[in-house]
Amino acid sequence: MTGIVEIRPDGPEESFQAWCDVLYASAVHDLGELHSARTPEERRVLLRDPARRTVALAVHDDAGRLVGAASLAMPLHDNLRLGVLVLAVHPDHRGRGHGRALLRQAEEVQRDAGRDLLVAETVWVAGSEDVHGGFARRFGYAPAQTNLRSSLQLPLDRDRLATVLADHDGDGYVLRTALGGIPDEWVAARALLGRRMSTDVPLGDLQLEEEDWDEERVRQDYARIAAAGRTAVDTFAFAADGSVAGYTQTTVTSDPSVVYQQDTLVLREHRGHRLGLRMKAANTLALVEHLPGPASVRTWNAEENAPMLAVNRELGYAEDAAMREWQKELR
């Protein structure tokens, strides 16, 4: 095994592509057709995201083949002790110390940056076992939260979705949907929702702080989504007095057969009106009308988030994968 090298999005294209290939091969091996591996362009955009400093690392074997890949994302607006680690070893080269070498280097980068909290994740197909959890435990990571992934097959019956929305007409809440970005008059509300999204959802044992969102960060986030080749579909709920009550967002990838649910939040003070169900129904209806053909919508929820899991089941989602978030405080 040769040394660890840093991969840059503007560096040699061959190295960057090989780094992406390892992440893709690992995702396909672990989840099969259920994988959610990002495209190289999406990964390039993430590495350049101004909201975080991201260091990409790679390890080569003795033959010079790039066999392991990792990224360490360190937020710059908030959570300044945090690093979020993604680590993968090509399935054909596992069990040879490559993952251990990458992990040690990532932890060293984290220490050098003056940060002492690392979060990583393992994923597996529903009904199977978390085969990578033992690796995390061996190196001092503790389970902090388990999330369930549910998928919804589109198209759905439009009349069914419309009925969900009609059942709640007249209670004063108004739902509005935007594709490809949001109107300027929603940006301040979206910043508020971004802050509350970081504190109003179940966090398990994760030691996360409230995120610092302002209007400029919101605009940068939508620019990042567009640069990655995705289309944002946002549904906002507004109360009778015009104040924002919640939102949900999905993003449609360059392959429109796969849609990712990003966030869904109903502010605490507006709960009890089935707004989560209504916003997701309105957003799904927009997807049905916008997408050119069949698609799968994929969403993650904390296993303790019973209300949102119930909303998913009511809309027809089925659980198909699981993810565990692991946390470690560096000494």
Protein backbone atom coordinates (compact mmCIF):
# COMPACT_ATOMS: atom_id res chain seq x y z
CA MET A 1 0.00 0.00 0.00
CA THR A 2 1.29 3.42 -0.95
CA GLY A 3 0.69 6.67 0.93
CA ILE A 4 -2.48 8.73 1.25
CA VAL A 5 -2.96 11.51 -1.31
CA GLU A 6 -5.40 14.37 -1.52
CA ILE A 7 -7.78 14.53 -4.47
CA ARG A 8 -8.80 17.94 -5.78
CA PRO A 9 -11.81 18.70 -7.99
CA ASP A 10 -9.61 20.81 -10.26
CA GLY A 11 -6.70 18.37 -10.23
CA PRO A 12 -5.91 15.54 -12.66
CA GLU A 13 -9.22 14.31 -14.08
CA GLU A 14 -8.07 10.70 -14.12
CA SER A 15 -7.44 10.72 -10.36
CA PHE A 16 -10.72 12.46 -9.59
CA GLN A 17 -12.67 9.99 -11.74
CA ALA A 18 -10.93 7.02 -10.11
CA TRP A 19 -11.83 8.44 -6.67
CA CYS A 20 -15.48 8.74 -7.75
CA ASP A 21 -15.39 5.22 -9.20
CA VAL A 22 -14.41 3.73 -5.83
CA LEU A 23 -17.26 5.53 -4.06
CA TYR A 24 -19.66 4.30 -6.73
CA ALA A 25 -18.44 0.69 -6.64
CA SER A 26 -18.69 0.61 -2.87
CA ALA A 27 -22.25 1.99 -2.86
CA VAL A 28 -23.40 -0.51 -5.49
CA HIS A 29 -21.80 -3.40 -3.61
CA ASP A 30 -23.49 -2.44 -0.32
CA LEU A 31 -26.97 -1.50 -1.60
CA GLY A 32 -27.23 -2.91 -5.12
CA GLU A 33 -29.80 -1.14 -7.28
CA LEU A 34 -30.99 0.70 -4.18
CA HIS A 35 -27.75 2.69 -4.02
CA SER A 36 -27.71 6.48 -4.02
CA ALA A 37 -24.17 7.11 -5.27
CA ARG A 38 -23.64 10.65 -6.48
CA THR A 39 -22.44 11.48 -9.97
CA PRO A 40 -18.91 12.83 -10.46
CA GLU A 41 -20.34 16.28 -11.20
CA GLU A 42 -22.34 16.23 -7.97
CA ARG A 43 -19.22 15.25 -6.03
CA ARG A 44 -17.21 18.01 -7.70
CA VAL A 45 -19.82 20.57 -6.64
CA LEU A 46 -19.79 19.28 -3.06
CA LEU A 47 -16.01 19.56 -2.87
CA ARG A 48 -16.30 23.21 -3.91
CA ASP A 49 -19.23 24.06 -1.63
CA PRO A 50 -18.44 27.37 0.17
CA ALA A 51 -20.51 26.31 3.20
CA ARG A 52 -17.89 23.75 4.21
CA ARG A 53 -14.24 22.86 3.78
CA THR A 54 -14.07 19.38 2.29
CA VAL A 55 -10.88 17.36 2.05
CA ALA A 56 -10.92 14.38 -0.34
CA LEU A 57 -8.43 11.58 0.32
CA ALA A 58 -7.39 8.48 -1.62
CA VAL A 59 -5.18 5.46 -1.04
CA HIS A 60 -3.46 3.38 -3.73
CA ASP A 61 -2.35 -0.23 -3.55
CA ASP A 62 1.18 -1.38 -4.32
CA ALA A 63 0.27 -1.65 -8.02
CA GLY A 64 -0.71 2.03 -8.11
CA ARG A 65 -4.46 1.46 -8.32
CA LEU A 66 -6.70 3.85 -6.42
CA VAL A 67 -8.58 1.48 -4.11
CA GLY A 68 -9.89 3.64 -1.25
CA ALA A 69 -11.66 7.00 -1.10
CA ALA A 70 -12.73 9.31 1.69
CA SER A 71 -14.07 12.82 2.15
CA LEU A 72 -14.09 14.92 5.30
CA ALA A 73 -16.57 17.81 5.28
CA MET A 74 -16.09 20.51 7.92
CA PRO A 75 -18.89 23.11 8.24
CA LEU A 76 -17.78 26.74 8.12
CA HIS A 77 -20.94 28.54 9.31
CA ASP A 78 -21.58 26.56 12.52
CA ASN A 79 -20.74 23.29 14.27
CA LEU A 80 -17.08 24.30 14.15
CA ARG A 81 -15.87 21.22 16.05
CA LEU A 82 -17.57 18.84 13.56
CA GLY A 83 -16.32 16.80 10.65
CA VAL A 84 -18.55 14.51 8.56
CA LEU A 85 -16.64 11.56 7.16
CA VAL A 86 -17.46 9.40 4.13
CA LEU A 87 -15.14 6.41 3.69
CA ALA A 88 -15.19 3.63 1.10
CA VAL A 89 -12.87 0.87 -0.07
CA HIS A 90 -13.39 -0.86 -3.40
CA PRO A 91 -15.13 -4.22 -2.76
CA ASP A 92 -12.28 -6.10 -4.48
CA HIS A 93 -9.68 -4.61 -2.13
CA ARG A 94 -11.28 -4.75 1.30
CA GLY A 95 -9.69 -6.36 4.34
CA ARG A 96 -6.16 -5.18 3.52
CA GLY A 97 -5.83 -2.14 5.78
CA HIS A 98 -6.82 0.51 3.26
CA GLY A 99 -9.84 1.65 5.25
CA ARG A 100 -7.84 1.84 8.45
CA ALA A 101 -5.17 3.97 6.76
CA LEU A 102 -7.77 6.36 5.33
CA LEU A 103 -9.55 6.66 8.67
CA ARG A 104 -6.36 7.50 10.54
CA GLN A 105 -5.45 10.14 7.99
CA ALA A 106 -8.91 11.69 8.08
CA GLU A 107 -8.76 11.88 11.87
CA GLU A 108 -5.36 13.56 11.62
CA VAL A 109 -6.75 16.14 9.19
CA GLN A 110 -9.60 16.74 11.66
CA ARG A 111 -7.18 17.29 14.54
CA ASP A 112 -4.99 19.61 12.48
CA ALA A 113 -8.11 21.70 11.76
CA GLY A 114 -8.73 22.07 15.50
CA ARG A 115 -11.86 19.91 15.47
CA ASP A 116 -12.63 17.04 17.80
CA LEU A 117 -16.01 15.59 16.75
CA LEU A 118 -16.36 13.15 13.86
CA VAL A 119 -19.57 11.68 12.44
CA ALA A 120 -19.64 8.84 9.89
CA GLU A 121 -22.32 6.48 8.60
CA THR A 122 -22.88 2.87 7.61
CA VAL A 123 -25.71 1.69 5.36
CA TRP A 124 -27.35 -1.65 4.60
CA VAL A 125 -30.36 -3.13 2.84
CA ALA A 126 -33.48 -3.46 5.00
CA GLY A 127 -33.67 -6.91 6.55
CA SER A 128 -29.91 -7.51 6.36
CA GLU A 129 -27.10 -6.66 8.79
CA ASP A 130 -24.84 -3.65 9.27
CA VAL A 131 -21.65 -5.36 8.12
CA HIS A 132 -19.52 -2.20 8.52
CA GLY A 133 -20.60 -1.41 12.08
CA GLY A 134 -17.87 -3.60 13.56
CA PHE A 135 -15.21 -1.53 11.77
CA ALA A 136 -16.62 1.66 13.28
CA ARG A 137 -16.70 0.20 16.79
CA ARG A 138 -13.12 -1.06 16.55
CA PHE A 139 -11.89 2.47 16.05
CA GLY A 140 -13.87 4.06 18.85
CA TYR A 141 -17.04 5.20 17.09
CA ALA A 142 -20.31 4.88 18.99
CA PRO A 143 -23.78 4.57 17.42
CA ALA A 144 -25.58 7.92 17.70
CA GLN A 145 -28.70 7.51 15.58
CA THR A 146 -30.34 5.00 13.23
CA ASN A 147 -32.28 6.18 10.18
CA LEU A 148 -34.68 4.28 7.96
CA ARG A 149 -34.95 4.84 4.22
CA SER A 150 -38.32 4.61 2.54
CA SER A 151 -39.05 4.74 -1.18
CA LEU A 152 -42.17 5.71 -3.11
CA GLN A 153 -42.82 4.56 -6.65
CA LEU A 154 -44.24 7.17 -9.02
CA PRO A 155 -46.56 7.90 -10.66
CA LEU A 156 -49.26 7.86 -8.02
CA ASP A 157 -52.96 8.42 -8.59
CA ARG A 158 -53.34 12.19 -8.89
CA ASP A 159 -56.91 12.06 -7.62
CA ARG A 160 -55.72 10.34 -4.44
CA LEU A 161 -53.17 13.08 -3.80
CA ALA A 162 -55.71 15.79 -4.58
CA THR A 163 -58.12 14.22 -2.09
CA VAL A 164 -55.52 14.42 0.70
CA LEU A 165 -55.18 18.13 -0.01
CA ALA A 166 -58.91 18.79 -0.32
CA ASP A 167 -59.65 17.09 2.99
CA HIS A 168 -58.03 19.99 4.85
CA ASP A 169 -59.24 22.99 2.88
CA GLY A 170 -60.54 25.84 4.99
CA ASP A 171 -58.25 25.66 8.03
CA GLY A 172 -56.32 28.76 7.02
CA TYR A 173 -53.08 27.17 5.80
CA VAL A 174 -51.99 27.75 2.22
CA LEU A 175 -49.56 25.46 0.35
CA ARG A 176 -47.41 26.80 -2.49
CA THR A 177 -44.92 24.89 -4.65
CA ALA A 178 -41.95 26.17 -6.67
CA LEU A 179 -39.68 24.33 -9.13
CA GLY A 180 -36.05 25.17 -9.78
CA GLY A 181 -35.69 27.66 -6.95
CA ILE A 182 -37.89 29.78 -4.72
CA PRO A 183 -39.24 33.33 -5.03
CA ASP A 184 -37.23 36.07 -3.32
CA GLU A 185 -40.02 36.64 -0.84
CA TRP A 186 -39.57 33.10 0.50
CA VAL A 187 -35.82 33.33 1.10
CA ALA A 188 -35.98 34.77 4.63
CA ALA A 189 -38.53 32.12 5.60
CA ARG A 190 -36.28 29.42 4.15
CA ALA A 191 -33.39 30.69 6.31
CA LEU A 192 -35.59 30.39 9.40
CA LEU A 193 -36.60 26.87 8.37
CA GLY A 194 -32.96 25.91 7.84
CA ARG A 195 -32.11 26.95 11.39
CA ARG A 196 -35.10 25.17 12.87
CA MET A 197 -34.52 22.04 10.75
CA SER A 198 -31.26 21.56 12.64
CA THR A 199 -32.96 21.57 16.06
CA ASP A 200 -36.64 20.61 15.63
CA VAL A 201 -36.06 17.09 14.27
CA PRO A 202 -34.94 14.04 16.29
CA LEU A 203 -31.14 13.97 16.64
CA GLY A 204 -30.63 10.89 18.80
CA ASP A 205 -27.24 11.18 20.53
CA LEU A 206 -25.68 13.35 17.83
CA GLN A 207 -23.88 16.33 19.37
CA LEU A 208 -25.00 18.87 16.79
CA GLU A 209 -25.56 22.59 17.30
CA GLU A 210 -28.14 24.83 15.66
CA GLU A 211 -27.10 25.71 12.12
CA ASP A 212 -26.54 29.33 11.17
CA TRP A 213 -28.66 30.18 8.13
CA ASP A 214 -29.11 33.58 6.49
CA GLU A 215 -30.46 34.65 3.13
CA GLU A 216 -27.08 34.46 1.41
CA ARG A 217 -26.55 30.90 2.55
CA VAL A 218 -30.00 29.99 1.21
CA ARG A 219 -29.14 31.43 -2.20
CA GLN A 220 -25.82 29.59 -2.23
CA ASP A 221 -27.61 26.34 -1.40
CA TYR A 222 -29.97 26.65 -4.37
CA ALA A 223 -27.03 27.57 -6.60
CA ARG A 224 -25.24 24.41 -5.43
CA ILE A 225 -28.29 22.27 -6.23
CA ALA A 226 -28.50 23.72 -9.74
CA ALA A 227 -24.74 23.38 -10.33
CA ALA A 228 -25.00 19.68 -9.45
CA GLY A 229 -27.55 19.21 -12.23
CA ARG A 230 -30.52 18.80 -9.90
CA THR A 231 -33.91 20.53 -9.91
CA ALA A 232 -35.30 21.57 -6.53
CA VAL A 233 -39.03 21.12 -5.92
CA ASP A 234 -40.12 23.04 -2.81
CA THR A 235 -43.52 23.12 -1.13
CA PHE A 236 -44.05 25.72 1.61
CA ALA A 237 -46.95 25.97 4.05
CA PHE A 238 -48.04 29.43 5.16
CA ALA A 239 -50.40 30.24 8.02
CA ALA A 240 -53.38 32.57 7.67
CA ASP A 241 -51.29 35.53 8.90
CA GLY A 242 -48.70 34.91 6.16
CA SER A 243 -46.03 33.44 8.45
CA VAL A 244 -44.25 30.30 7.34
CA ALA A 245 -45.37 27.06 8.98
CA GLY A 246 -43.20 24.46 7.27
CA TYR A 247 -41.69 23.17 4.05
CA THR A 248 -40.60 20.09 2.21
CA GLN A 249 -38.04 19.79 -0.57
CA THR A 250 -37.21 17.11 -3.10
CA THR A 251 -34.49 17.26 -5.74
CA VAL A 252 -34.72 15.62 -9.14
CA THR A 253 -31.38 14.35 -10.45
CA SER A 254 -30.05 14.42 -13.99
CA ASP A 255 -31.56 10.92 -14.17
CA PRO A 256 -35.21 11.86 -13.55
CA SER A 257 -36.11 8.33 -12.50
CA VAL A 258 -34.52 9.01 -9.08
CA VAL A 259 -35.78 11.75 -6.76
CA TYR A 260 -34.33 12.53 -3.34
CA GLN A 261 -36.34 13.89 -0.44
CA GLN A 262 -34.16 16.43 1.31
CA ASP A 263 -35.95 18.08 4.23
CA THR A 264 -39.45 18.09 5.64
CA LEU A 265 -40.21 20.29 8.63
CA VAL A 266 -43.34 21.56 10.35
CA LEU A 267 -42.48 24.21 12.91
CA ARG A 268 -43.42 23.09 16.42
CA GLU A 269 -45.95 25.87 16.84
CA HIS A 270 -47.88 24.71 13.75
CA ARG A 271 -48.03 20.98 14.41
CA GLY A 272 -51.29 19.10 14.75
CA HIS A 273 -52.77 20.13 11.37
CA ARG A 274 -51.34 17.26 9.27
CA LEU A 275 -49.14 19.75 7.42
CA GLY A 276 -46.38 17.17 6.95
CA LEU A 277 -48.75 14.90 5.04
CA ARG A 278 -50.27 17.78 3.08
CA MET A 279 -46.93 19.30 2.05
CA LYS A 280 -45.56 15.94 0.93
CA ALA A 281 -48.77 15.20 -0.99
CA ALA A 282 -48.57 18.57 -2.76
CA ASN A 283 -44.89 18.05 -3.52
CA THR A 284 -45.54 14.54 -4.83
CA LEU A 285 -48.35 15.85 -7.04
CA ALA A 286 -45.91 18.41 -8.50
CA LEU A 287 -43.40 15.60 -9.16
CA VAL A 288 -46.03 13.47 -10.90
CA GLU A 289 -46.87 16.40 -13.16
CA HIS A 290 -43.23 17.40 -13.75
CA LEU A 291 -41.43 14.07 -14.28
CA PRO A 292 -41.36 12.52 -17.76
CA GLY A 293 -41.91 8.96 -16.56
CA PRO A 294 -41.78 6.52 -13.62
CA ALA A 295 -39.54 7.45 -10.73
CA SER A 296 -38.57 6.43 -7.21
CA VAL A 297 -38.62 9.01 -4.41
CA ARG A 298 -36.21 8.17 -1.60
CA THR A 299 -36.34 9.63 1.90
CA TRP A 300 -34.48 9.12 5.19
CA ASN A 301 -36.04 9.50 8.62
CA ALA A 302 -34.82 8.84 12.14
CA GLU A 303 -36.33 5.59 13.40
CA GLU A 304 -37.76 7.51 16.39
CA ASN A 305 -39.54 10.00 14.09
CA ALA A 306 -42.83 8.10 14.26
CA PRO A 307 -45.04 10.93 12.91
CA MET A 308 -43.05 11.30 9.68
CA LEU A 309 -42.71 7.56 9.20
CA ALA A 310 -46.50 7.34 9.52
CA VAL A 311 -46.90 10.08 6.89
CA ASN A 312 -44.64 8.11 4.56
CA ARG A 313 -46.63 4.93 5.00
CA GLU A 314 -49.90 6.77 4.39
CA LEU A 315 -48.55 8.06 1.08
CA GLY A 316 -47.36 4.59 0.06
CA TYR A 317 -43.64 4.61 0.94
CA ALA A 318 -41.99 1.28 1.79
CA GLU A 319 -38.82 0.88 3.87
CA ASP A 320 -35.91 -0.54 1.89
CA ALA A 321 -32.64 0.46 3.61
CA ALA A 322 -31.16 1.61 6.90
CA MET A 323 -28.31 3.87 7.97
CA ARG A 324 -26.52 4.24 11.28
CA GLU A 325 -24.67 7.41 12.19
CA TRP A 326 -21.55 6.90 14.27
CA GLN A 327 -19.90 9.53 16.41
CA LYS A 328 -16.45 9.89 17.94
CA GLU A 329 -14.82 12.54 20.08
CA LEU A 330 -11.12 12.75 19.24
CA ARG A 331 -8.69 12.76 22.13
